[in-house]
Amino acid sequence: MRNDKPVLVVFAGPNGSGKSTMNKIAIQRGTLDGPYINADDMTREKLGDVDVKTVSQAQMDAINRDAANQADQLRQQAIDGRISFITETVMSTPAKIHLMSQAKAAGYEVCLIYVTTQDPAINVQRVRDRVAKGGHNVPEEKIAARYTRAMGLLPMAIQVADMARVYDNSSERPALVFEKTGKNELKAYPLSESGEQYQWNQATLEQLKRNILNEAINNKISE
């Protein structure tokens, strides 16, 4: 990415995919620059030393909403000031894709790092493990629903981004399975010599190609 532009790095993916872990590793290695805006961290700050197991779901929902609003304000302030920043999101609604589009319109380079798994059951179990260690909970029905919505929005997010990397983090180590290095420059990485692809990744590729084709047709019509 060019250094003369502010940069927005978006870590996205369903709850429990492991995006926070990858994000922290990248920040520790110094490969990312700018403030890190994450509503989950703000939720933890608001909770302080309170045991999350003693907090009702209604109270937790209110804290999460407050943290999300605070994060939205900080992201908007960064864009208004043309400041490079890093943010994290489940991306289960189009709101963060709108954020990416808004940043591009403001002259940002937008980089998407998307982390997912092969099956939402993996995500559910990881959130259970996190809660057992004192981490924040997400209701299981929300994890599954958000997984489906987030995966459905992935092709659109890739299309908006200037650069994108998609990882499958189902196993112990995340595997890079898809990459966008420039406008409509797409590369899928096979998982074996036979060229096998994950079913979800193949569906993403097919939808993305349809989106790109439709965009090209619409651009041609508008000429």
Protein backbone atom coordinates (compact mmCIF):
# COMPACT_ATOMS: atom_id res chain seq x y z
CA MET A 1 0.00 0.00 0.00
CA ARG A 2 1.23 3.51 -0.76
CA ASN A 3 2.61 5.54 2.13
CA ASP A 4 1.09 8.83 0.99
CA LYS A 5 -2.41 7.68 1.90
CA PRO A 6 -3.97 6.96 5.28
CA VAL A 7 -4.58 3.25 5.74
CA LEU A 8 -7.59 1.45 7.21
CA VAL A 9 -6.92 -2.15 8.25
CA VAL A 10 -10.07 -4.14 9.00
CA PHE A 11 -9.81 -7.43 10.88
CA ALA A 12 -13.13 -9.17 10.31
CA GLY A 13 -14.78 -12.53 10.78
CA PRO A 14 -17.34 -14.42 12.86
CA ASN A 15 -17.16 -14.54 16.67
CA GLY A 16 -14.63 -17.12 17.83
CA SER A 17 -12.69 -17.29 14.56
CA GLY A 18 -9.43 -16.08 16.12
CA LYS A 19 -9.15 -12.66 14.50
CA SER A 20 -8.19 -10.95 17.77
CA THR A 21 -5.25 -13.32 18.21
CA MET A 22 -3.98 -12.69 14.67
CA ASN A 23 -4.49 -8.97 15.14
CA LYS A 24 -2.44 -8.86 18.34
CA ILE A 25 0.39 -10.84 16.76
CA ALA A 26 0.53 -8.43 13.80
CA ILE A 27 0.55 -5.40 16.12
CA GLN A 28 3.29 -6.91 18.32
CA ARG A 29 5.44 -7.53 15.24
CA GLY A 30 5.05 -3.90 14.23
CA THR A 31 3.49 -4.74 10.87
CA LEU A 32 0.46 -2.51 11.53
CA ASP A 33 0.38 1.21 12.20
CA GLY A 34 -2.18 3.48 13.84
CA PRO A 35 -4.60 3.32 16.77
CA TYR A 36 -6.48 0.06 17.33
CA ILE A 37 -10.24 0.52 17.72
CA ASN A 38 -12.08 -2.52 19.04
CA ALA A 39 -15.45 -2.48 20.81
CA ASP A 40 -14.65 -5.76 22.60
CA ASP A 41 -11.65 -4.15 24.32
CA MET A 42 -13.86 -1.25 25.37
CA THR A 43 -16.38 -3.70 26.80
CA ARG A 44 -13.62 -5.32 28.86
CA GLU A 45 -12.51 -1.91 30.12
CA LYS A 46 -16.07 -1.08 31.17
CA LEU A 47 -16.38 -4.38 33.03
CA GLY A 48 -13.08 -3.91 34.83
CA ASP A 49 -12.56 -6.61 37.44
CA VAL A 50 -16.21 -7.69 37.42
CA ASP A 51 -16.70 -11.43 36.85
CA VAL A 52 -18.65 -11.67 33.59
CA LYS A 53 -20.49 -14.70 34.96
CA THR A 54 -22.22 -12.39 37.46
CA VAL A 55 -23.46 -9.99 34.76
CA SER A 56 -26.95 -10.56 33.34
CA GLN A 57 -27.46 -10.81 29.59
CA ALA A 58 -29.48 -7.58 29.61
CA GLN A 59 -26.65 -5.75 31.39
CA MET A 60 -24.11 -7.25 29.00
CA ASP A 61 -26.14 -6.17 25.97
CA ALA A 62 -26.27 -2.60 27.30
CA ILE A 63 -22.51 -2.53 27.90
CA ASN A 64 -21.86 -3.93 24.42
CA ARG A 65 -24.09 -1.29 22.82
CA ASP A 66 -22.31 1.48 24.69
CA ALA A 67 -18.91 0.13 23.64
CA ALA A 68 -20.04 -0.23 20.01
CA ASN A 69 -21.25 3.37 19.92
CA GLN A 70 -17.97 4.56 21.41
CA ALA A 71 -15.99 2.60 18.81
CA ASP A 72 -18.13 4.03 16.00
CA GLN A 73 -17.39 7.56 17.20
CA LEU A 74 -13.64 6.91 17.34
CA ARG A 75 -13.64 5.42 13.84
CA GLN A 76 -15.52 8.41 12.46
CA GLN A 77 -13.12 10.81 14.17
CA ALA A 78 -10.18 8.98 12.61
CA ILE A 79 -11.67 9.21 9.12
CA ASP A 80 -12.54 12.88 9.58
CA GLY A 81 -8.91 13.50 10.56
CA ARG A 82 -7.50 11.22 7.83
CA ILE A 83 -5.68 9.16 10.46
CA SER A 84 -4.58 5.59 9.71
CA PHE A 85 -6.22 3.11 12.06
CA ILE A 86 -6.94 -0.55 12.69
CA THR A 87 -10.36 -1.88 13.61
CA GLU A 88 -11.97 -5.21 14.33
CA THR A 89 -15.49 -6.37 13.53
CA VAL A 90 -17.64 -9.47 13.15
CA MET A 91 -19.02 -7.82 9.99
CA SER A 92 -22.42 -9.45 10.35
CA THR A 93 -24.17 -6.33 9.00
CA PRO A 94 -23.33 -4.04 6.04
CA ALA A 95 -22.37 -1.20 8.44
CA LYS A 96 -18.63 -1.95 8.38
CA ILE A 97 -18.66 -2.37 4.60
CA HIS A 98 -20.15 1.11 4.51
CA LEU A 99 -17.26 2.21 6.76
CA MET A 100 -14.77 0.73 4.27
CA SER A 101 -16.50 2.51 1.38
CA GLN A 102 -16.56 5.77 3.33
CA ALA A 103 -12.84 5.48 4.05
CA LYS A 104 -12.06 4.81 0.38
CA ALA A 105 -14.06 7.88 -0.62
CA ALA A 106 -11.98 9.87 1.90
CA GLY A 107 -8.77 8.75 0.20
CA TYR A 108 -7.83 5.74 2.34
CA GLU A 109 -6.18 2.52 1.25
CA VAL A 110 -8.40 -0.22 2.68
CA CYS A 111 -6.95 -3.59 3.67
CA LEU A 112 -9.21 -6.45 4.78
CA ILE A 113 -7.94 -9.35 6.89
CA TYR A 114 -10.80 -11.84 7.19
CA VAL A 115 -10.53 -14.82 9.55
CA THR A 116 -13.11 -17.60 9.57
CA THR A 117 -13.60 -21.34 10.05
CA GLN A 118 -15.17 -24.19 8.12
CA ASP A 119 -18.08 -24.62 10.54
CA PRO A 120 -19.81 -22.34 13.09
CA ALA A 121 -19.70 -25.22 15.58
CA ILE A 122 -15.96 -24.52 15.85
CA ASN A 123 -16.69 -20.91 16.73
CA VAL A 124 -19.27 -21.88 19.34
CA GLN A 125 -16.78 -24.18 21.09
CA ARG A 126 -14.05 -21.54 21.06
CA VAL A 127 -16.33 -18.99 22.68
CA ARG A 128 -17.21 -21.58 25.34
CA ASP A 129 -13.50 -22.08 25.98
CA ARG A 130 -12.99 -18.32 26.18
CA VAL A 131 -15.80 -17.91 28.72
CA ALA A 132 -14.33 -20.72 30.83
CA LYS A 133 -11.13 -18.67 31.04
CA GLY A 134 -13.03 -15.54 32.12
CA GLY A 135 -13.56 -14.03 28.67
CA HIS A 136 -16.73 -12.39 27.39
CA ASN A 137 -19.63 -14.52 26.24
CA VAL A 138 -21.71 -14.43 23.07
CA PRO A 139 -25.00 -16.38 23.02
CA GLU A 140 -24.61 -19.49 20.88
CA GLU A 141 -27.61 -18.68 18.68
CA LYS A 142 -26.05 -15.30 17.91
CA ILE A 143 -22.72 -16.89 16.98
CA ALA A 144 -24.38 -19.15 14.40
CA ALA A 145 -26.58 -16.39 12.97
CA ARG A 146 -23.70 -13.92 12.76
CA TYR A 147 -21.50 -16.56 11.12
CA THR A 148 -24.01 -16.99 8.30
CA ARG A 149 -24.48 -13.25 7.80
CA ALA A 150 -20.76 -12.47 8.00
CA MET A 151 -19.89 -15.14 5.43
CA GLY A 152 -22.64 -13.84 3.17
CA LEU A 153 -21.13 -10.34 3.25
CA LEU A 154 -17.56 -11.52 2.61
CA PRO A 155 -17.68 -11.20 -1.22
CA MET A 156 -18.89 -7.60 -0.95
CA ALA A 157 -16.21 -6.75 1.61
CA ILE A 158 -13.48 -8.18 -0.63
CA GLN A 159 -14.80 -6.23 -3.58
CA VAL A 160 -14.68 -2.94 -1.65
CA ALA A 161 -11.19 -3.53 -0.21
CA ASP A 162 -8.07 -2.47 -2.10
CA MET A 163 -6.26 -5.49 -0.69
CA ALA A 164 -7.66 -8.54 1.09
CA ARG A 165 -6.50 -11.75 2.71
CA VAL A 166 -8.87 -14.48 3.85
CA TYR A 167 -7.71 -17.11 6.33
CA ASP A 168 -9.27 -20.37 7.44
CA ASN A 169 -8.45 -20.76 11.12
CA SER A 170 -10.22 -24.07 11.75
CA SER A 171 -7.01 -25.83 12.77
CA GLU A 172 -4.09 -24.93 15.01
CA ARG A 173 -2.55 -22.60 12.43
CA PRO A 174 -4.44 -20.20 10.14
CA ALA A 175 -4.23 -21.04 6.43
CA LEU A 176 -4.28 -18.34 3.75
CA VAL A 177 -6.94 -19.48 1.28
CA PHE A 178 -7.73 -16.35 -0.72
CA GLU A 179 -6.00 -13.10 -1.62
CA LYS A 180 -6.80 -9.91 -3.48
CA THR A 181 -3.70 -7.89 -4.37
CA GLY A 182 -5.21 -5.25 -6.64
CA LYS A 183 -8.41 -4.30 -8.41
CA ASN A 184 -9.98 -7.59 -9.47
CA GLU A 185 -6.61 -9.38 -9.06
CA LEU A 186 -7.74 -12.50 -7.22
CA LYS A 187 -5.89 -15.63 -6.16
CA ALA A 188 -7.19 -18.71 -4.36
CA TYR A 189 -4.73 -21.03 -2.65
CA PRO A 190 -5.53 -24.75 -2.97
CA LEU A 191 -5.43 -26.86 0.15
CA SER A 192 -3.83 -29.83 -1.56
CA GLU A 193 -2.05 -30.84 -4.76
CA SER A 194 -5.44 -31.78 -6.20
CA GLY A 195 -6.49 -28.13 -5.94
CA GLU A 196 -9.17 -28.81 -3.35
CA GLN A 197 -10.97 -25.76 -1.98
CA TYR A 198 -13.11 -25.34 1.11
CA GLN A 199 -16.78 -25.29 0.20
CA TRP A 200 -17.30 -21.86 1.78
CA ASN A 201 -14.29 -20.44 -0.07
CA GLN A 202 -15.51 -21.74 -3.42
CA ALA A 203 -18.92 -20.15 -2.82
CA THR A 204 -17.23 -16.86 -1.94
CA LEU A 205 -15.15 -16.94 -5.12
CA GLU A 206 -18.16 -17.66 -7.30
CA GLN A 207 -20.20 -14.83 -5.74
CA LEU A 208 -17.26 -12.44 -5.99
CA LYS A 209 -16.82 -13.19 -9.68
CA ARG A 210 -20.52 -12.54 -10.25
CA ASN A 211 -20.23 -9.23 -8.38
CA ILE A 212 -17.23 -8.17 -10.46
CA LEU A 213 -18.99 -9.12 -13.69
CA ASN A 214 -22.12 -7.17 -12.69
CA GLU A 215 -19.98 -4.17 -11.77
CA ALA A 216 -18.25 -4.27 -15.16
CA ILE A 217 -21.59 -4.52 -16.97
CA ASN A 218 -23.04 -1.60 -14.98
CA ASN A 219 -19.95 0.51 -15.67
CA LYS A 220 -20.23 -0.27 -19.38
CA ILE A 221 -23.92 0.69 -19.43
CA SER A 222 -23.23 3.99 -17.67
CA GLU A 223 -20.51 5.02 -20.16
